[in-house]
Amino acid sequence: MLLASAIGVAAVTTAAVLTSSAGAAESTLAAAAAQSGRYFGTAIAAGLAREAGHRVG
């Protein structure tokens, strides 16, 4: 029982630390890349750009 409690406390503490760190990051990959002067983009085959699942917006 004591071991399970210790593991639970460790998991909650880790989650709290990771959440606070992630909160400072940008919400999209492109915005996070821009913070460090980088560009984030993707590439797809030209024929796929017309498919509804690949459209932006």
PDB file of N, CA and C in Angstrom:
ATOM      1  N   MET A   1       0.828  -1.197   0.000  1.00  0.00           N
ATOM      2  CA  MET A   1       0.000   0.000   0.000  1.00  0.00           C
ATOM      3  C   MET A   1       0.868   1.255   0.000  1.00  0.00           C
ATOM      4  N   LEU A   2       1.914   1.239   0.800  1.00  0.00           N
ATOM      5  CA  LEU A   2       2.800   2.400   0.878  1.00  0.00           C
ATOM      6  C   LEU A   2       3.508   2.632  -0.458  1.00  0.00           C
ATOM      7  N   LEU A   3       3.913   1.541  -1.101  1.00  0.00           N
ATOM      8  CA  LEU A   3       4.573   1.656  -2.402  1.00  0.00           C
ATOM      9  C   LEU A   3       3.632   2.244  -3.448  1.00  0.00           C
ATOM     10  N   ALA A   4       2.387   1.807  -3.447  1.00  0.00           N
ATOM     11  CA  ALA A   4       1.408   2.335  -4.398  1.00  0.00           C
ATOM     12  C   ALA A   4       1.172   3.818  -4.166  1.00  0.00           C
ATOM     13  N   SER A   5       1.131   4.240  -2.914  1.00  0.00           N
ATOM     14  CA  SER A   5       0.951   5.660  -2.603  1.00  0.00           C
ATOM     15  C   SER A   5       2.141   6.479  -3.081  1.00  0.00           C
ATOM     16  N   ALA A   6       3.342   5.956  -2.867  1.00  0.00           N
ATOM     17  CA  ALA A   6       4.553   6.658  -3.292  1.00  0.00           C
ATOM     18  C   ALA A   6       4.596   6.799  -4.809  1.00  0.00           C
ATOM     19  N   ILE A   7       4.208   5.748  -5.510  1.00  0.00           N
ATOM     20  CA  ILE A   7       4.184   5.800  -6.978  1.00  0.00           C
ATOM     21  C   ILE A   7       3.142   6.811  -7.453  1.00  0.00           C
ATOM     22  N   GLY A   8       1.993   6.841  -6.802  1.00  0.00           N
ATOM     23  CA  GLY A   8       0.948   7.804  -7.162  1.00  0.00           C
ATOM     24  C   GLY A   8       1.395   9.236  -6.969  1.00  0.00           C
ATOM     25  N   VAL A   9       2.064   9.513  -5.846  1.00  0.00           N
ATOM     26  CA  VAL A   9       2.566  10.866  -5.578  1.00  0.00           C
ATOM     27  C   VAL A   9       3.616  11.250  -6.608  1.00  0.00           C
ATOM     28  N   ALA A  10       4.501  10.327  -6.950  1.00  0.00           N
ATOM     29  CA  ALA A  10       5.531  10.604  -7.950  1.00  0.00           C
ATOM     30  C   ALA A  10       4.908  10.900  -9.311  1.00  0.00           C
ATOM     31  N   ALA A  11       3.879  10.163  -9.676  1.00  0.00           N
ATOM     32  CA  ALA A  11       3.218  10.383 -10.967  1.00  0.00           C
ATOM     33  C   ALA A  11       2.538  11.742 -11.017  1.00  0.00           C
ATOM     34  N   VAL A  12       1.875  12.123  -9.941  1.00  0.00           N
ATOM     35  CA  VAL A  12       1.198  13.428  -9.899  1.00  0.00           C
ATOM     36  C   VAL A  12       2.214  14.555  -9.943  1.00  0.00           C
ATOM     37  N   THR A  13       3.311  14.413  -9.221  1.00  0.00           N
ATOM     38  CA  THR A  13       4.359  15.437  -9.219  1.00  0.00           C
ATOM     39  C   THR A  13       4.967  15.589 -10.605  1.00  0.00           C
ATOM     40  N   THR A  14       5.257  14.472 -11.251  1.00  0.00           N
ATOM     41  CA  THR A  14       5.819  14.511 -12.606  1.00  0.00           C
ATOM     42  C   THR A  14       4.851  15.166 -13.577  1.00  0.00           C
ATOM     43  N   ALA A  15       3.583  14.823 -13.492  1.00  0.00           N
ATOM     44  CA  ALA A  15       2.580  15.411 -14.379  1.00  0.00           C
ATOM     45  C   ALA A  15       2.476  16.913 -14.162  1.00  0.00           C
ATOM     46  N   ALA A  16       2.557  17.362 -12.925  1.00  0.00           N
ATOM     47  CA  ALA A  16       2.472  18.797 -12.634  1.00  0.00           C
ATOM     48  C   ALA A  16       3.663  19.545 -13.212  1.00  0.00           C
ATOM     49  N   VAL A  17       4.844  18.975 -13.102  1.00  0.00           N
ATOM     50  CA  VAL A  17       6.050  19.616 -13.641  1.00  0.00           C
ATOM     51  C   VAL A  17       5.987  19.670 -15.156  1.00  0.00           C
ATOM     52  N   LEU A  18       5.599  18.574 -15.795  1.00  0.00           N
ATOM     53  CA  LEU A  18       5.519  18.549 -17.255  1.00  0.00           C
ATOM     54  C   LEU A  18       4.448  19.491 -17.777  1.00  0.00           C
ATOM     55  N   THR A  19       3.337  19.597 -17.080  1.00  0.00           N
ATOM     56  CA  THR A  19       2.261  20.485 -17.505  1.00  0.00           C
ATOM     57  C   THR A  19       2.693  21.936 -17.427  1.00  0.00           C
ATOM     58  N   SER A  20       3.388  22.313 -16.370  1.00  0.00           N
ATOM     59  CA  SER A  20       3.816  23.705 -16.244  1.00  0.00           C
ATOM     60  C   SER A  20       4.874  24.045 -17.285  1.00  0.00           C
ATOM     61  N   SER A  21       5.727  23.098 -17.647  1.00  0.00           N
ATOM     62  CA  SER A  21       6.727  23.329 -18.685  1.00  0.00           C
ATOM     63  C   SER A  21       6.070  23.457 -20.048  1.00  0.00           C
ATOM     64  N   ALA A  22       5.083  22.616 -20.304  1.00  0.00           N
ATOM     65  CA  ALA A  22       4.401  22.643 -21.593  1.00  0.00           C
ATOM     66  C   ALA A  22       3.567  23.902 -21.749  1.00  0.00           C
ATOM     67  N   GLY A  23       3.102  24.469 -20.663  1.00  0.00           N
ATOM     68  CA  GLY A  23       2.292  25.675 -20.726  1.00  0.00           C
ATOM     69  C   GLY A  23       3.056  26.861 -21.277  1.00  0.00           C
ATOM     70  N   ALA A  24       4.370  26.852 -21.097  1.00  0.00           N
ATOM     71  CA  ALA A  24       5.191  27.950 -21.594  1.00  0.00           C
ATOM     72  C   ALA A  24       5.464  27.825 -23.089  1.00  0.00           C
ATOM     73  N   ALA A  25       5.293  26.634 -23.635  1.00  0.00           N
ATOM     74  CA  ALA A  25       5.545  26.410 -25.053  1.00  0.00           C
ATOM     75  C   ALA A  25       4.373  26.912 -25.887  1.00  0.00           C
ATOM     76  N   GLU A  26       4.644  27.162 -27.143  1.00  0.00           N
ATOM     77  CA  GLU A  26       3.585  27.590 -28.056  1.00  0.00           C
ATOM     78  C   GLU A  26       2.619  26.440 -28.299  1.00  0.00           C
ATOM     79  N   SER A  27       1.424  26.772 -28.770  1.00  0.00           N
ATOM     80  CA  SER A  27       0.379  25.761 -28.921  1.00  0.00           C
ATOM     81  C   SER A  27       0.444  24.996 -30.243  1.00  0.00           C
ATOM     82  N   THR A  28       1.176  25.476 -31.229  1.00  0.00           N
ATOM     83  CA  THR A  28       1.304  24.745 -32.490  1.00  0.00           C
ATOM     84  C   THR A  28       2.775  24.493 -32.783  1.00  0.00           C
ATOM     85  N   LEU A  29       3.047  23.496 -33.605  1.00  0.00           N
ATOM     86  CA  LEU A  29       4.436  23.200 -33.953  1.00  0.00           C
ATOM     87  C   LEU A  29       5.081  24.368 -34.691  1.00  0.00           C
ATOM     88  N   ALA A  30       4.327  25.015 -35.568  1.00  0.00           N
ATOM     89  CA  ALA A  30       4.871  26.149 -36.320  1.00  0.00           C
ATOM     90  C   ALA A  30       5.245  27.295 -35.383  1.00  0.00           C
ATOM     91  N   ALA A  31       4.393  27.586 -34.417  1.00  0.00           N
ATOM     92  CA  ALA A  31       4.674  28.672 -33.475  1.00  0.00           C
ATOM     93  C   ALA A  31       5.855  28.322 -32.577  1.00  0.00           C
ATOM     94  N   ALA A  32       5.946  27.062 -32.153  1.00  0.00           N
ATOM     95  CA  ALA A  32       7.070  26.633 -31.325  1.00  0.00           C
ATOM     96  C   ALA A  32       8.378  26.727 -32.108  1.00  0.00           C
ATOM     97  N   ALA A  33       8.348  26.371 -33.379  1.00  0.00           N
ATOM     98  CA  ALA A  33       9.542  26.479 -34.213  1.00  0.00           C
ATOM     99  C   ALA A  33       9.935  27.936 -34.396  1.00  0.00           C
ATOM    100  N   ALA A  34       8.961  28.801 -34.588  1.00  0.00           N
ATOM    101  CA  ALA A  34       9.237  30.227 -34.783  1.00  0.00           C
ATOM    102  C   ALA A  34       9.897  30.844 -33.556  1.00  0.00           C
ATOM    103  N   GLN A  35       9.598  30.331 -32.363  1.00  0.00           N
ATOM    104  CA  GLN A  35      10.219  30.844 -31.140  1.00  0.00           C
ATOM    105  C   GLN A  35      11.731  30.724 -31.192  1.00  0.00           C
ATOM    106  N   SER A  36      12.222  29.670 -31.839  1.00  0.00           N
ATOM    107  CA  SER A  36      13.668  29.465 -31.901  1.00  0.00           C
ATOM    108  C   SER A  36      14.236  29.799 -33.281  1.00  0.00           C
ATOM    109  N   GLY A  37      13.479  30.556 -34.076  1.00  0.00           N
ATOM    110  CA  GLY A  37      13.965  30.985 -35.379  1.00  0.00           C
ATOM    111  C   GLY A  37      13.976  29.884 -36.427  1.00  0.00           C
ATOM    112  N   ARG A  38      13.145  28.874 -36.245  1.00  0.00           N
ATOM    113  CA  ARG A  38      13.085  27.770 -37.194  1.00  0.00           C
ATOM    114  C   ARG A  38      11.759  27.778 -37.926  1.00  0.00           C
ATOM    115  N   TYR A  39      11.682  26.979 -38.985  1.00  0.00           N
ATOM    116  CA  TYR A  39      10.470  26.859 -39.781  1.00  0.00           C
ATOM    117  C   TYR A  39       9.969  25.433 -39.677  1.00  0.00           C
ATOM    118  N   PHE A  40       8.672  25.259 -39.519  1.00  0.00           N
ATOM    119  CA  PHE A  40       8.077  23.922 -39.523  1.00  0.00           C
ATOM    120  C   PHE A  40       7.087  23.854 -40.662  1.00  0.00           C
ATOM    121  N   GLY A  41       7.226  22.868 -41.507  1.00  0.00           N
ATOM    122  CA  GLY A  41       6.297  22.678 -42.614  1.00  0.00           C
ATOM    123  C   GLY A  41       6.153  21.199 -42.915  1.00  0.00           C
ATOM    124  N   THR A  42       5.290  20.884 -43.828  1.00  0.00           N
ATOM    125  CA  THR A  42       5.090  19.492 -44.228  1.00  0.00           C
ATOM    126  C   THR A  42       5.102  19.395 -45.736  1.00  0.00           C
ATOM    127  N   ALA A  43       5.289  18.196 -46.230  1.00  0.00           N
ATOM    128  CA  ALA A  43       5.263  17.960 -47.674  1.00  0.00           C
ATOM    129  C   ALA A  43       4.347  16.778 -47.956  1.00  0.00           C
ATOM    130  N   ILE A  44       3.511  16.926 -48.972  1.00  0.00           N
ATOM    131  CA  ILE A  44       2.653  15.825 -49.418  1.00  0.00           C
ATOM    132  C   ILE A  44       2.705  15.769 -50.936  1.00  0.00           C
ATOM    133  N   ALA A  45       2.310  14.644 -51.474  1.00  0.00           N
ATOM    134  CA  ALA A  45       2.273  14.494 -52.926  1.00  0.00           C
ATOM    135  C   ALA A  45       1.236  15.449 -53.509  1.00  0.00           C
ATOM    136  N   ALA A  46       1.520  16.001 -54.678  1.00  0.00           N
ATOM    137  CA  ALA A  46       0.634  16.987 -55.302  1.00  0.00           C
ATOM    138  C   ALA A  46      -0.780  16.450 -55.489  1.00  0.00           C
ATOM    139  N   GLY A  47      -0.927  15.193 -55.821  1.00  0.00           N
ATOM    140  CA  GLY A  47      -2.246  14.607 -56.033  1.00  0.00           C
ATOM    141  C   GLY A  47      -3.077  14.531 -54.763  1.00  0.00           C
ATOM    142  N   LEU A  48      -2.433  14.471 -53.614  1.00  0.00           N
ATOM    143  CA  LEU A  48      -3.155  14.382 -52.349  1.00  0.00           C
ATOM    144  C   LEU A  48      -3.698  15.732 -51.884  1.00  0.00           C
ATOM    145  N   ALA A  49      -3.161  16.814 -52.386  1.00  0.00           N
ATOM    146  CA  ALA A  49      -3.576  18.144 -51.943  1.00  0.00           C
ATOM    147  C   ALA A  49      -5.042  18.423 -52.264  1.00  0.00           C
ATOM    148  N   ARG A  50      -5.587  17.725 -53.236  1.00  0.00           N
ATOM    149  CA  ARG A  50      -6.989  17.938 -53.606  1.00  0.00           C
ATOM    150  C   ARG A  50      -7.955  17.145 -52.732  1.00  0.00           C
ATOM    151  N   GLU A  51      -7.454  16.172 -51.972  1.00  0.00           N
ATOM    152  CA  GLU A  51      -8.316  15.347 -51.126  1.00  0.00           C
ATOM    153  C   GLU A  51      -8.747  16.126 -49.892  1.00  0.00           C
ATOM    154  N   ALA A  52     -10.001  15.948 -49.504  1.00  0.00           N
ATOM    155  CA  ALA A  52     -10.568  16.701 -48.380  1.00  0.00           C
ATOM    156  C   ALA A  52      -9.776  16.515 -47.091  1.00  0.00           C
ATOM    157  N   GLY A  53      -9.253  15.349 -46.838  1.00  0.00           N
ATOM    158  CA  GLY A  53      -8.520  15.089 -45.604  1.00  0.00           C
ATOM    159  C   GLY A  53      -7.184  15.792 -45.510  1.00  0.00           C
ATOM    160  N   HIS A  54      -6.689  16.328 -46.608  1.00  0.00           N
ATOM    161  CA  HIS A  54      -5.386  16.981 -46.626  1.00  0.00           C
ATOM    162  C   HIS A  54      -5.475  18.496 -46.772  1.00  0.00           C
ATOM    163  N   ARG A  55      -6.657  19.021 -46.851  1.00  0.00           N
ATOM    164  CA  ARG A  55      -6.815  20.469 -47.025  1.00  0.00           C
ATOM    165  C   ARG A  55      -6.628  21.191 -45.704  1.00  0.00           C
ATOM    166  N   VAL A  56      -6.070  22.368 -45.770  1.00  0.00           N
ATOM    167  CA  VAL A  56      -5.885  23.211 -44.588  1.00  0.00           C
ATOM    168  C   VAL A  56      -7.050  24.173 -44.521  1.00  0.00           C
ATOM    169  N   GLY A  57      -7.595  24.326 -43.324  1.00  0.00           N
ATOM    170  CA  GLY A  57      -8.640  25.325 -43.153  1.00  0.00           C
ATOM    171  C   GLY A  57      -9.975  24.841 -43.137  1.00  0.00           C
TER     172      GLY A  57
END
